[in-house]
Structure formats: C-alpha cells, structure tokens
C-alpha cells in the first residue's frame, strides 16, 4: 500500500508541476523516479525515455504507465497514469471555467513568462546529464558527432525525432557485438594448439 501511495504522489507531482507539457515533465519524472524513490537508475531512465519518444502519445502518461507497471504491476500502472492525469483534467476544468474573466490580464502572460526560464533550466540540466552519460559510454568524439548530426537532422532537415530514435534503435539491434577479450583469448589459444 505504501508503494501505491508513493507512485500516486510521485506522478501527481509530475502532473501538477509539469508546466509546459511533456518535455517539461521529463526532468520532474527523473527527479521522482531516479532521485527520490530510486525505482530506476539513470541508464534505465535514459532507455525508457528513448523508447517512449518513439511511441505516439503524451510522454508523461507513457512513462507513468511503464514505471507504474514496473514498480507494482497493473495496479501500479493504473495508479500512476491516473495520478499524472488527474491534475491536468481538474486544472483544465477550473481554468477553462475561469479563463474568460482573466483572459486579458497581464499577470497571466507574466506568469507564463516567469515560468519559462525555470522549465528551460530543468531541461538543460537533463540534457547535460544525458550528454554526459553518452560521453562516458561513447567518448567525446562520437558524442559530439552524434549531437551535431542529430541537430542537423532535427533543426535543419526537420526529420521527426521518432524516426531518428527508431533508426538508432534498429542500428543498435542489427549491430554485431564485438567478442569479449576472454572469448578472443580462448579462440587464439585454441588456434595455437
């Protein structure tokens, strides 16, 4: 029961504070899932994020569903998805009901403008964490090369991110794994005798 409560609270926070949509909620999910409750490590979270970006639909609900299922089965899945959706549904009803009375207010635009730098910093921190993880796994040269190629594909050629991620996943699946050093030594030793 405690796990269900933690799942609900974690994803309710994401639903309440994920101002700006899916990309803004990713650092919040990371903080809850990796930082606070430690249901995943950075590597698992990165893999989940890559896979979730290739599928259609809102990223927060996809991540909530998978993490909820991983932590606590089908009940956890339902709990986490409902927790991330309830704040949005409730706030939309309340805000749409009162929007006509405050629509022209300068404070609404001021609030939006004030929140954007915070969301930008959260996304920049997460970007740096992923870049650093890639650097540790591939080295500086490959990481910078992949970053530049991705930037060109996304911003100049307007290739959809899902296509790029799917291509990288396919390349990783089809790539032949190099043999371990132990296996190479065993093969060499076997050939010599």
N, C-alpha and C. Protein backbone atom coordinates (compact mmCIF):
# COMPACT_ATOMS: atom_id res chain seq x y z
N UNK A 1 0.82 -1.20 0.00
CA UNK A 1 0.00 0.00 0.00
C UNK A 1 0.87 1.26 0.00
N UNK A 2 2.01 1.19 0.71
CA UNK A 2 2.92 2.33 0.76
C UNK A 2 3.48 2.63 -0.63
N UNK A 3 3.78 1.56 -1.39
CA UNK A 3 4.31 1.74 -2.74
C UNK A 3 3.27 2.42 -3.63
N UNK A 4 2.01 2.02 -3.50
CA UNK A 4 0.95 2.65 -4.30
C UNK A 4 0.84 4.14 -3.97
N UNK A 5 0.94 4.46 -2.69
CA UNK A 5 0.87 5.87 -2.27
C UNK A 5 2.04 6.64 -2.87
N UNK A 6 3.26 6.07 -2.80
CA UNK A 6 4.43 6.74 -3.36
C UNK A 6 4.29 6.94 -4.86
N UNK A 7 3.79 5.92 -5.56
CA UNK A 7 3.55 6.05 -7.00
C UNK A 7 2.57 7.19 -7.28
N UNK A 8 1.49 7.20 -6.52
CA UNK A 8 0.48 8.24 -6.74
C UNK A 8 1.06 9.63 -6.49
N UNK A 9 1.74 9.80 -5.37
CA UNK A 9 2.30 11.11 -5.02
C UNK A 9 3.34 11.55 -6.05
N UNK A 10 4.22 10.62 -6.44
CA UNK A 10 5.28 10.97 -7.40
C UNK A 10 4.68 11.47 -8.71
N UNK A 11 3.72 10.76 -9.26
CA UNK A 11 3.18 11.15 -10.55
C UNK A 11 2.13 12.25 -10.44
N UNK A 12 1.52 12.40 -9.28
CA UNK A 12 0.63 13.54 -9.06
C UNK A 12 1.46 14.82 -9.10
N UNK A 13 2.64 14.80 -8.46
CA UNK A 13 3.54 15.96 -8.51
C UNK A 13 3.91 16.29 -9.95
N UNK A 14 4.23 15.26 -10.72
CA UNK A 14 4.58 15.49 -12.12
C UNK A 14 3.41 16.13 -12.85
N UNK A 15 2.21 15.62 -12.62
CA UNK A 15 1.03 16.18 -13.26
C UNK A 15 0.75 17.61 -12.84
N UNK A 16 1.00 17.92 -11.59
CA UNK A 16 0.75 19.28 -11.08
C UNK A 16 1.82 20.27 -11.52
N UNK A 17 3.07 19.85 -11.57
CA UNK A 17 4.17 20.78 -11.79
C UNK A 17 4.75 20.71 -13.20
N UNK A 18 4.25 19.82 -14.04
CA UNK A 18 4.77 19.66 -15.40
C UNK A 18 4.28 20.76 -16.32
N UNK A 19 4.54 21.99 -15.95
CA UNK A 19 4.09 23.15 -16.70
C UNK A 19 4.84 23.23 -18.03
N UNK A 20 4.11 23.26 -19.12
CA UNK A 20 4.73 23.37 -20.42
C UNK A 20 4.66 22.09 -21.23
N UNK A 21 4.00 21.09 -20.70
CA UNK A 21 3.80 19.87 -21.47
C UNK A 21 4.84 18.80 -21.19
N UNK A 22 4.87 17.82 -22.09
CA UNK A 22 5.69 16.64 -21.93
C UNK A 22 7.17 16.88 -21.67
N UNK A 23 7.84 17.64 -22.54
CA UNK A 23 9.27 17.84 -22.32
C UNK A 23 9.59 18.46 -20.95
N UNK A 24 8.73 19.31 -20.46
CA UNK A 24 8.96 19.94 -19.16
C UNK A 24 8.74 18.95 -18.02
N UNK A 25 7.95 17.92 -18.26
CA UNK A 25 7.68 16.96 -17.19
C UNK A 25 8.77 15.90 -17.06
N UNK A 26 9.60 15.72 -18.09
CA UNK A 26 10.64 14.69 -18.06
C UNK A 26 11.60 14.89 -16.89
N UNK A 27 12.13 16.11 -16.67
CA UNK A 27 13.02 16.27 -15.50
C UNK A 27 12.30 16.00 -14.18
N UNK A 28 11.02 16.30 -14.12
CA UNK A 28 10.26 16.03 -12.88
C UNK A 28 10.12 14.53 -12.66
N UNK A 29 9.83 13.78 -13.73
CA UNK A 29 9.74 12.32 -13.61
C UNK A 29 11.10 11.77 -13.17
N UNK A 30 12.16 12.29 -13.77
CA UNK A 30 13.52 11.84 -13.43
C UNK A 30 13.80 12.08 -11.95
N UNK A 31 13.46 13.25 -11.46
CA UNK A 31 13.71 13.58 -10.05
C UNK A 31 12.97 12.63 -9.11
N UNK A 32 11.73 12.33 -9.43
CA UNK A 32 10.93 11.44 -8.59
C UNK A 32 11.40 9.98 -8.69
N UNK A 33 11.56 9.51 -9.92
CA UNK A 33 11.79 8.08 -10.17
C UNK A 33 13.24 7.67 -9.90
N UNK A 34 14.18 8.51 -10.32
CA UNK A 34 15.60 8.18 -10.14
C UNK A 34 16.12 8.76 -8.83
N UNK A 35 15.82 10.05 -8.60
CA UNK A 35 16.38 10.73 -7.44
C UNK A 35 15.73 10.38 -6.12
N UNK A 36 14.42 10.53 -6.03
CA UNK A 36 13.74 10.37 -4.74
C UNK A 36 13.45 8.90 -4.39
N UNK A 37 12.74 8.20 -5.26
CA UNK A 37 12.30 6.84 -4.92
C UNK A 37 13.25 5.74 -5.41
N UNK A 38 14.15 6.08 -6.32
CA UNK A 38 15.16 5.16 -6.85
C UNK A 38 14.55 3.87 -7.41
N UNK A 39 13.46 4.03 -8.16
CA UNK A 39 12.84 2.90 -8.83
C UNK A 39 13.63 2.50 -10.07
N UNK A 40 14.45 3.43 -10.58
CA UNK A 40 15.28 3.19 -11.76
C UNK A 40 16.60 3.90 -11.56
N UNK A 41 17.61 3.50 -12.34
CA UNK A 41 18.84 4.27 -12.36
C UNK A 41 18.85 5.14 -13.62
N UNK A 42 19.88 5.96 -13.77
CA UNK A 42 19.94 6.87 -14.92
C UNK A 42 19.94 6.13 -16.25
N UNK A 43 20.62 5.00 -16.29
CA UNK A 43 20.69 4.22 -17.52
C UNK A 43 19.31 3.70 -17.93
N UNK A 44 18.59 3.11 -16.99
CA UNK A 44 17.24 2.61 -17.29
C UNK A 44 16.31 3.75 -17.69
N UNK A 45 16.44 4.88 -17.00
CA UNK A 45 15.60 6.03 -17.31
C UNK A 45 15.87 6.53 -18.73
N UNK A 46 17.15 6.60 -19.10
CA UNK A 46 17.51 7.03 -20.45
C UNK A 46 16.96 6.09 -21.51
N UNK A 47 17.03 4.78 -21.24
CA UNK A 47 16.47 3.81 -22.18
C UNK A 47 14.97 3.97 -22.31
N UNK A 48 14.30 4.15 -21.17
CA UNK A 48 12.85 4.35 -21.18
C UNK A 48 12.48 5.61 -21.96
N UNK A 49 13.21 6.68 -21.72
CA UNK A 49 12.93 7.94 -22.41
C UNK A 49 13.10 7.80 -23.91
N UNK A 50 14.16 7.12 -24.33
CA UNK A 50 14.38 6.92 -25.77
C UNK A 50 13.25 6.11 -26.39
N UNK A 51 12.86 5.04 -25.73
CA UNK A 51 11.78 4.21 -26.26
C UNK A 51 10.45 4.95 -26.24
N UNK A 52 10.16 5.66 -25.16
CA UNK A 52 8.89 6.38 -25.05
C UNK A 52 8.76 7.46 -26.12
N UNK A 53 9.89 8.05 -26.51
CA UNK A 53 9.84 9.08 -27.55
C UNK A 53 9.54 8.52 -28.93
N UNK A 54 9.71 7.22 -29.12
CA UNK A 54 9.41 6.63 -30.43
C UNK A 54 7.94 6.26 -30.57
N UNK A 55 7.21 6.24 -29.46
CA UNK A 55 5.80 5.85 -29.47
C UNK A 55 4.90 7.07 -29.50
N UNK A 56 3.71 6.94 -30.08
CA UNK A 56 2.78 8.07 -30.09
C UNK A 56 2.16 8.31 -28.71
N UNK A 57 1.72 9.54 -28.50
CA UNK A 57 1.03 9.88 -27.26
C UNK A 57 1.88 10.71 -26.32
N UNK A 58 1.24 11.23 -25.28
CA UNK A 58 1.95 12.08 -24.32
C UNK A 58 3.03 11.31 -23.55
N UNK A 59 4.19 11.90 -23.44
CA UNK A 59 5.33 11.24 -22.80
C UNK A 59 5.09 10.97 -21.32
N UNK A 60 4.44 11.88 -20.62
CA UNK A 60 4.24 11.70 -19.18
C UNK A 60 3.38 10.48 -18.88
N UNK A 61 2.33 10.25 -19.67
CA UNK A 61 1.48 9.09 -19.41
C UNK A 61 2.17 7.79 -19.80
N UNK A 62 2.97 7.82 -20.89
CA UNK A 62 3.70 6.61 -21.28
C UNK A 62 4.70 6.23 -20.18
N UNK A 63 5.42 7.23 -19.68
CA UNK A 63 6.42 6.96 -18.64
C UNK A 63 5.74 6.52 -17.35
N UNK A 64 4.65 7.18 -16.99
CA UNK A 64 3.92 6.81 -15.77
C UNK A 64 3.42 5.37 -15.88
N UNK A 65 2.88 5.02 -17.03
CA UNK A 65 2.37 3.66 -17.22
C UNK A 65 3.45 2.61 -17.09
N UNK A 66 4.57 2.83 -17.76
CA UNK A 66 5.64 1.83 -17.69
C UNK A 66 6.23 1.74 -16.29
N UNK A 67 6.54 2.89 -15.70
CA UNK A 67 7.16 2.88 -14.37
C UNK A 67 6.20 2.30 -13.34
N UNK A 68 4.93 2.69 -13.42
CA UNK A 68 3.93 2.13 -12.51
C UNK A 68 3.85 0.63 -12.62
N UNK A 69 3.87 0.11 -13.86
CA UNK A 69 3.82 -1.33 -14.08
C UNK A 69 5.08 -2.00 -13.56
N UNK A 70 6.21 -1.40 -13.82
CA UNK A 70 7.49 -1.97 -13.38
C UNK A 70 7.59 -2.04 -11.85
N UNK A 71 7.07 -1.01 -11.19
CA UNK A 71 7.17 -0.94 -9.73
C UNK A 71 6.12 -1.82 -9.06
N UNK A 72 4.89 -1.85 -9.64
CA UNK A 72 3.81 -2.52 -8.91
C UNK A 72 2.76 -3.18 -9.80
N UNK A 73 3.14 -3.65 -10.97
CA UNK A 73 2.22 -4.39 -11.82
C UNK A 73 1.09 -3.52 -12.38
N UNK A 74 -0.01 -4.20 -12.73
CA UNK A 74 -1.13 -3.50 -13.37
C UNK A 74 -1.77 -2.45 -12.48
N UNK A 75 -1.86 -2.72 -11.18
CA UNK A 75 -2.43 -1.72 -10.26
C UNK A 75 -1.54 -0.48 -10.23
N UNK A 76 -0.23 -0.68 -10.22
CA UNK A 76 0.71 0.43 -10.25
C UNK A 76 0.59 1.24 -11.53
N UNK A 77 0.40 0.54 -12.67
CA UNK A 77 0.22 1.22 -13.95
C UNK A 77 -1.00 2.13 -13.90
N UNK A 78 -2.12 1.60 -13.48
CA UNK A 78 -3.37 2.39 -13.42
C UNK A 78 -3.22 3.55 -12.44
N UNK A 79 -2.64 3.28 -11.29
CA UNK A 79 -2.43 4.29 -10.26
C UNK A 79 -1.58 5.45 -10.79
N UNK A 80 -0.43 5.13 -11.39
CA UNK A 80 0.49 6.16 -11.86
C UNK A 80 -0.11 6.98 -13.01
N UNK A 81 -0.78 6.30 -13.94
CA UNK A 81 -1.39 7.02 -15.07
C UNK A 81 -2.51 7.94 -14.57
N UNK A 82 -3.34 7.46 -13.66
CA UNK A 82 -4.41 8.31 -13.12
C UNK A 82 -3.81 9.50 -12.35
N UNK A 83 -2.75 9.24 -11.59
CA UNK A 83 -2.12 10.31 -10.81
C UNK A 83 -1.56 11.40 -11.70
N UNK A 84 -1.00 11.05 -12.84
CA UNK A 84 -0.42 12.07 -13.72
C UNK A 84 -1.52 12.80 -14.52
N UNK A 85 -2.67 12.16 -14.71
CA UNK A 85 -3.75 12.77 -15.49
C UNK A 85 -4.71 13.61 -14.66
N UNK A 86 -4.97 13.23 -13.43
CA UNK A 86 -5.97 13.91 -12.60
C UNK A 86 -5.71 15.41 -12.46
N UNK A 87 -4.47 15.84 -12.15
CA UNK A 87 -4.26 17.29 -12.02
C UNK A 87 -4.58 18.05 -13.30
N UNK A 88 -4.19 17.49 -14.44
CA UNK A 88 -4.45 18.16 -15.71
C UNK A 88 -5.95 18.27 -15.98
N UNK A 89 -6.66 17.20 -15.77
CA UNK A 89 -8.10 17.21 -16.00
C UNK A 89 -8.78 18.23 -15.08
N UNK A 90 -8.44 18.18 -13.80
CA UNK A 90 -9.05 19.09 -12.83
C UNK A 90 -8.70 20.55 -13.16
N UNK A 91 -7.42 20.81 -13.41
CA UNK A 91 -6.99 22.19 -13.69
C UNK A 91 -7.59 22.71 -14.99
N UNK A 92 -7.73 21.86 -16.00
CA UNK A 92 -8.35 22.31 -17.25
C UNK A 92 -9.80 22.72 -17.03
N UNK A 93 -10.53 21.95 -16.24
CA UNK A 93 -11.92 22.29 -15.96
C UNK A 93 -12.00 23.62 -15.22
N UNK A 94 -11.17 23.78 -14.19
CA UNK A 94 -11.17 25.01 -13.39
C UNK A 94 -10.69 26.20 -14.22
N UNK A 95 -9.58 26.03 -14.94
CA UNK A 95 -9.03 27.15 -15.71
C UNK A 95 -9.92 27.55 -16.87
N UNK A 96 -10.45 26.58 -17.59
CA UNK A 96 -11.34 26.94 -18.70
C UNK A 96 -12.60 27.63 -18.20
N UNK A 97 -13.04 27.22 -17.01
CA UNK A 97 -14.22 27.87 -16.43
C UNK A 97 -13.96 29.31 -16.04
N UNK A 98 -12.72 29.62 -15.66
CA UNK A 98 -12.43 30.99 -15.20
C UNK A 98 -11.59 31.79 -16.20
N UNK A 99 -11.23 31.19 -17.31
CA UNK A 99 -10.36 31.86 -18.28
C UNK A 99 -10.97 33.13 -18.85
N UNK A 100 -12.25 33.12 -19.09
CA UNK A 100 -12.89 34.29 -19.71
C UNK A 100 -12.77 35.54 -18.82
N UNK A 101 -12.74 35.34 -17.52
CA UNK A 101 -12.67 36.50 -16.63
C UNK A 101 -11.25 37.06 -16.49
N UNK A 102 -10.21 36.27 -16.77
CA UNK A 102 -8.84 36.75 -16.59
C UNK A 102 -8.05 36.76 -17.90
N UNK A 103 -8.70 36.48 -19.00
CA UNK A 103 -8.02 36.31 -20.27
C UNK A 103 -7.17 37.52 -20.66
N UNK A 104 -7.64 38.70 -20.43
CA UNK A 104 -6.92 39.91 -20.83
C UNK A 104 -5.91 40.38 -19.80
N UNK A 105 -5.82 39.72 -18.65
CA UNK A 105 -4.93 40.17 -17.59
C UNK A 105 -3.46 39.99 -17.92
N UNK A 106 -2.68 41.02 -17.67
CA UNK A 106 -1.25 40.96 -17.94
C UNK A 106 -0.53 39.98 -17.03
N UNK A 107 -1.11 39.69 -15.87
CA UNK A 107 -0.46 38.77 -14.94
C UNK A 107 -0.41 37.35 -15.48
N UNK A 108 -1.37 36.99 -16.37
CA UNK A 108 -1.37 35.65 -16.95
C UNK A 108 -0.13 35.49 -17.84
N UNK A 109 0.11 36.47 -18.69
CA UNK A 109 1.29 36.44 -19.55
C UNK A 109 2.57 36.53 -18.72
N UNK A 110 2.54 37.35 -17.68
CA UNK A 110 3.70 37.47 -16.79
C UNK A 110 4.03 36.16 -16.10
N UNK A 111 3.00 35.44 -15.66
CA UNK A 111 3.22 34.15 -15.01
C UNK A 111 3.85 33.16 -15.99
N UNK A 112 3.33 33.13 -17.21
CA UNK A 112 3.88 32.23 -18.23
C UNK A 112 5.33 32.58 -18.52
N UNK A 113 5.62 33.87 -18.68
CA UNK A 113 6.99 34.30 -18.96
C UNK A 113 7.94 33.99 -17.81
N UNK A 114 7.46 34.06 -16.58
CA UNK A 114 8.31 33.79 -15.42
C UNK A 114 8.63 32.31 -15.28
N UNK A 115 7.72 31.45 -15.69
CA UNK A 115 7.93 30.01 -15.54
C UNK A 115 8.86 29.46 -16.62
N UNK A 116 8.87 30.04 -17.79
CA UNK A 116 9.65 29.50 -18.91
C UNK A 116 11.15 29.36 -18.62
N UNK A 117 11.81 30.33 -17.99
CA UNK A 117 13.24 30.11 -17.69
C UNK A 117 13.48 28.93 -16.75
N UNK A 118 12.59 28.72 -15.81
CA UNK A 118 12.74 27.59 -14.88
C UNK A 118 12.63 26.28 -15.65
N UNK A 119 11.64 26.18 -16.53
CA UNK A 119 11.47 24.98 -17.35
C UNK A 119 12.70 24.79 -18.24
N UNK A 120 13.20 25.88 -18.80
CA UNK A 120 14.40 25.81 -19.64
C UNK A 120 15.61 25.28 -18.89
N UNK A 121 15.80 25.73 -17.67
CA UNK A 121 16.93 25.25 -16.86
C UNK A 121 16.76 23.78 -16.53
N UNK A 122 15.55 23.36 -16.16
CA UNK A 122 15.32 21.94 -15.86
C UNK A 122 15.65 21.07 -17.07
N UNK A 123 15.25 21.52 -18.26
CA UNK A 123 15.53 20.74 -19.47
C UNK A 123 17.02 20.75 -19.80
N UNK A 124 17.68 21.89 -19.56
CA UNK A 124 19.12 21.97 -19.82
C UNK A 124 19.90 21.04 -18.90
N UNK A 125 19.52 20.96 -17.64
CA UNK A 125 20.18 20.05 -16.70
C UNK A 125 20.02 18.61 -17.15
N UNK A 126 18.81 18.22 -17.54
CA UNK A 126 18.57 16.86 -18.01
C UNK A 126 19.35 16.59 -19.30
N UNK A 127 19.41 17.58 -20.19
CA UNK A 127 20.17 17.44 -21.43
C UNK A 127 21.64 17.19 -21.12
N UNK A 128 22.20 17.97 -20.20
CA UNK A 128 23.60 17.78 -19.82
C UNK A 128 23.82 16.38 -19.24
N UNK A 129 22.90 15.91 -18.41
CA UNK A 129 23.04 14.58 -17.82
C UNK A 129 23.07 13.50 -18.90
N UNK A 130 22.20 13.61 -19.90
CA UNK A 130 22.18 12.64 -20.98
C UNK A 130 23.44 12.75 -21.85
N UNK A 131 23.87 13.99 -22.13
CA UNK A 131 25.09 14.21 -22.90
C UNK A 131 26.29 13.59 -22.17
N UNK A 132 26.38 13.81 -20.88
CA UNK A 132 27.48 13.29 -20.08
C UNK A 132 27.46 11.76 -20.04
N UNK A 133 26.27 11.18 -19.95
CA UNK A 133 26.14 9.72 -19.97
C UNK A 133 26.63 9.18 -21.32
N UNK A 134 26.24 9.84 -22.40
CA UNK A 134 26.67 9.42 -23.73
C UNK A 134 28.19 9.54 -23.85
N UNK A 135 28.76 10.62 -23.33
CA UNK A 135 30.21 10.83 -23.38
C UNK A 135 30.94 9.71 -22.65
N UNK A 136 30.42 9.30 -21.51
CA UNK A 136 31.05 8.22 -20.75
C UNK A 136 30.97 6.90 -21.51
N UNK A 137 29.89 6.69 -22.25
CA UNK A 137 29.71 5.44 -22.97
C UNK A 137 30.42 5.41 -24.32
N UNK A 138 30.43 6.54 -25.03
CA UNK A 138 30.97 6.56 -26.40
C UNK A 138 32.25 7.37 -26.54
N UNK A 139 32.55 8.24 -25.59
CA UNK A 139 33.70 9.13 -25.73
C UNK A 139 33.28 10.46 -26.31
N UNK A 140 34.17 11.45 -26.19
CA UNK A 140 33.85 12.82 -26.62
C UNK A 140 33.58 12.91 -28.12
N UNK A 141 34.43 12.30 -28.92
CA UNK A 141 34.32 12.48 -30.37
C UNK A 141 32.99 11.95 -30.90
N UNK A 142 32.66 10.71 -30.55
CA UNK A 142 31.40 10.15 -31.03
C UNK A 142 30.20 10.90 -30.48
N UNK A 143 30.26 11.32 -29.23
CA UNK A 143 29.14 12.05 -28.63
C UNK A 143 28.92 13.37 -29.35
N UNK A 144 29.99 14.11 -29.60
CA UNK A 144 29.86 15.39 -30.30
C UNK A 144 29.38 15.16 -31.73
N UNK A 145 29.92 14.13 -32.39
CA UNK A 145 29.49 13.81 -33.75
C UNK A 145 27.99 13.48 -33.80
N UNK A 146 27.53 12.61 -32.89
CA UNK A 146 26.11 12.25 -32.83
C UNK A 146 25.26 13.49 -32.53
N UNK A 147 25.73 14.35 -31.65
CA UNK A 147 24.99 15.56 -31.29
C UNK A 147 24.84 16.48 -32.49
N UNK A 148 25.92 16.68 -33.23
CA UNK A 148 25.88 17.56 -34.40
C UNK A 148 24.97 16.97 -35.48
N UNK A 149 25.09 15.67 -35.73
CA UNK A 149 24.24 15.02 -36.73
C UNK A 149 22.77 15.11 -36.32
N UNK A 150 22.49 14.86 -35.04
CA UNK A 150 21.11 14.95 -34.57
C UNK A 150 20.58 16.38 -34.71
N UNK A 151 21.39 17.36 -34.38
CA UNK A 151 20.98 18.76 -34.50
C UNK A 151 20.65 19.10 -35.95
N UNK A 152 21.50 18.66 -36.87
CA UNK A 152 21.26 18.92 -38.30
C UNK A 152 19.97 18.24 -38.76
N UNK A 153 19.80 16.96 -38.39
CA UNK A 153 18.61 16.23 -38.80
C UNK A 153 17.33 16.86 -38.23
N UNK A 154 17.38 17.24 -36.96
CA UNK A 154 16.19 17.79 -36.30
C UNK A 154 15.87 19.21 -36.74
N UNK A 155 16.87 20.08 -36.72
CA UNK A 155 16.61 21.51 -36.92
C UNK A 155 16.71 21.98 -38.37
N UNK A 156 17.64 21.42 -39.12
CA UNK A 156 17.81 21.88 -40.50
C UNK A 156 16.99 21.06 -41.50
N UNK A 157 16.97 19.75 -41.30
CA UNK A 157 16.24 18.88 -42.22
C UNK A 157 14.84 18.53 -41.75
N UNK A 158 14.52 18.91 -40.51
CA UNK A 158 13.18 18.71 -39.92
C UNK A 158 12.74 17.25 -39.94
N UNK A 159 13.69 16.35 -39.63
CA UNK A 159 13.36 14.93 -39.51
C UNK A 159 12.71 14.73 -38.14
N UNK A 160 11.64 13.96 -38.11
CA UNK A 160 10.93 13.72 -36.86
C UNK A 160 11.83 12.97 -35.88
N UNK A 161 11.84 13.36 -34.58
CA UNK A 161 12.70 12.69 -33.60
C UNK A 161 12.43 11.19 -33.49
N UNK A 162 11.19 10.79 -33.66
CA UNK A 162 10.85 9.37 -33.59
C UNK A 162 11.56 8.56 -34.67
N UNK A 163 11.72 9.14 -35.86
CA UNK A 163 12.41 8.45 -36.96
C UNK A 163 13.89 8.29 -36.62
N UNK A 164 14.48 9.33 -36.06
CA UNK A 164 15.91 9.26 -35.69
C UNK A 164 16.12 8.21 -34.60
N UNK A 165 15.28 8.24 -33.59
CA UNK A 165 15.41 7.28 -32.48
C UNK A 165 15.17 5.86 -32.97
N UNK A 166 14.15 5.67 -33.82
CA UNK A 166 13.88 4.34 -34.36
C UNK A 166 15.06 3.84 -35.19
N UNK A 167 15.67 4.72 -35.97
CA UNK A 167 16.84 4.32 -36.78
C UNK A 167 18.00 3.92 -35.88
N UNK A 168 18.22 4.67 -34.81
CA UNK A 168 19.30 4.34 -33.87
C UNK A 168 19.02 3.02 -33.15
N UNK A 169 17.77 2.80 -32.76
CA UNK A 169 17.41 1.53 -32.12
C UNK A 169 17.62 0.36 -33.09
N UNK A 170 17.21 0.53 -34.34
CA UNK A 170 17.40 -0.52 -35.34
C UNK A 170 18.89 -0.78 -35.56
N UNK A 171 19.69 0.28 -35.63
CA UNK A 171 21.14 0.11 -35.81
C UNK A 171 21.75 -0.63 -34.63
N UNK A 172 21.29 -0.32 -33.43
CA UNK A 172 21.82 -0.99 -32.23
C UNK A 172 21.44 -2.46 -32.22
N UNK A 173 20.23 -2.77 -32.66
CA UNK A 173 19.78 -4.17 -32.69
C UNK A 173 20.51 -4.96 -33.76
N UNK A 174 20.73 -4.35 -34.91
CA UNK A 174 21.35 -5.04 -36.03
C UNK A 174 22.88 -5.10 -35.94
N UNK A 175 23.46 -4.26 -35.11
CA UNK A 175 24.92 -4.21 -34.97
C UNK A 175 25.44 -5.50 -34.36
N UNK A 176 26.53 -5.99 -34.92
CA UNK A 176 27.16 -7.19 -34.36
C UNK A 176 27.99 -6.79 -33.16
N UNK A 177 27.79 -7.51 -32.08
CA UNK A 177 28.54 -7.25 -30.85
C UNK A 177 29.97 -7.74 -31.00
N UNK A 178 30.96 -6.92 -30.61
CA UNK A 178 32.34 -7.41 -30.63
C UNK A 178 32.50 -8.49 -29.55
N UNK A 179 33.34 -9.45 -29.84
CA UNK A 179 33.56 -10.53 -28.88
C UNK A 179 34.33 -10.00 -27.68
N UNK A 180 34.07 -10.58 -26.52
CA UNK A 180 34.80 -10.22 -25.31
C UNK A 180 36.25 -10.63 -25.45
N UNK A 181 37.12 -9.97 -24.68
CA UNK A 181 38.55 -10.29 -24.69
C UNK A 181 38.79 -11.74 -24.29
N UNK A 182 38.01 -12.25 -23.31
CA UNK A 182 38.18 -13.63 -22.87
C UNK A 182 37.89 -14.59 -24.01
N UNK A 183 36.84 -14.30 -24.79
CA UNK A 183 36.50 -15.17 -25.90
C UNK A 183 37.58 -15.13 -26.97
N UNK A 184 38.15 -13.92 -27.22
CA UNK A 184 39.21 -13.78 -28.21
C UNK A 184 40.42 -14.59 -27.78
N UNK A 185 40.76 -14.50 -26.50
CA UNK A 185 41.92 -15.25 -25.98
C UNK A 185 41.69 -16.75 -26.10
N UNK A 186 40.49 -17.20 -25.82
CA UNK A 186 40.17 -18.63 -25.90
C UNK A 186 40.28 -19.10 -27.35
N UNK A 187 39.83 -18.26 -28.27
CA UNK A 187 39.89 -18.61 -29.69
C UNK A 187 41.35 -18.68 -30.13
N UNK A 188 42.15 -17.66 -29.74
CA UNK A 188 43.57 -17.65 -30.10
C UNK A 188 44.28 -18.85 -29.52
N UNK A 189 44.01 -19.11 -28.25
CA UNK A 189 44.66 -20.24 -27.59
C UNK A 189 44.30 -21.55 -28.25
N UNK A 190 43.06 -21.65 -28.68
CA UNK A 190 42.59 -22.88 -29.32
C UNK A 190 43.24 -23.06 -30.69
N UNK A 191 43.50 -21.93 -31.39
CA UNK A 191 44.09 -21.99 -32.71
C UNK A 191 45.56 -22.37 -32.66
N UNK A 192 46.23 -21.97 -31.56
CA UNK A 192 47.67 -22.21 -31.48
C UNK A 192 47.97 -23.67 -31.22
N UNK A 193 47.08 -24.37 -30.50
CA UNK A 193 47.36 -25.72 -30.08
C UNK A 193 47.05 -26.76 -31.04
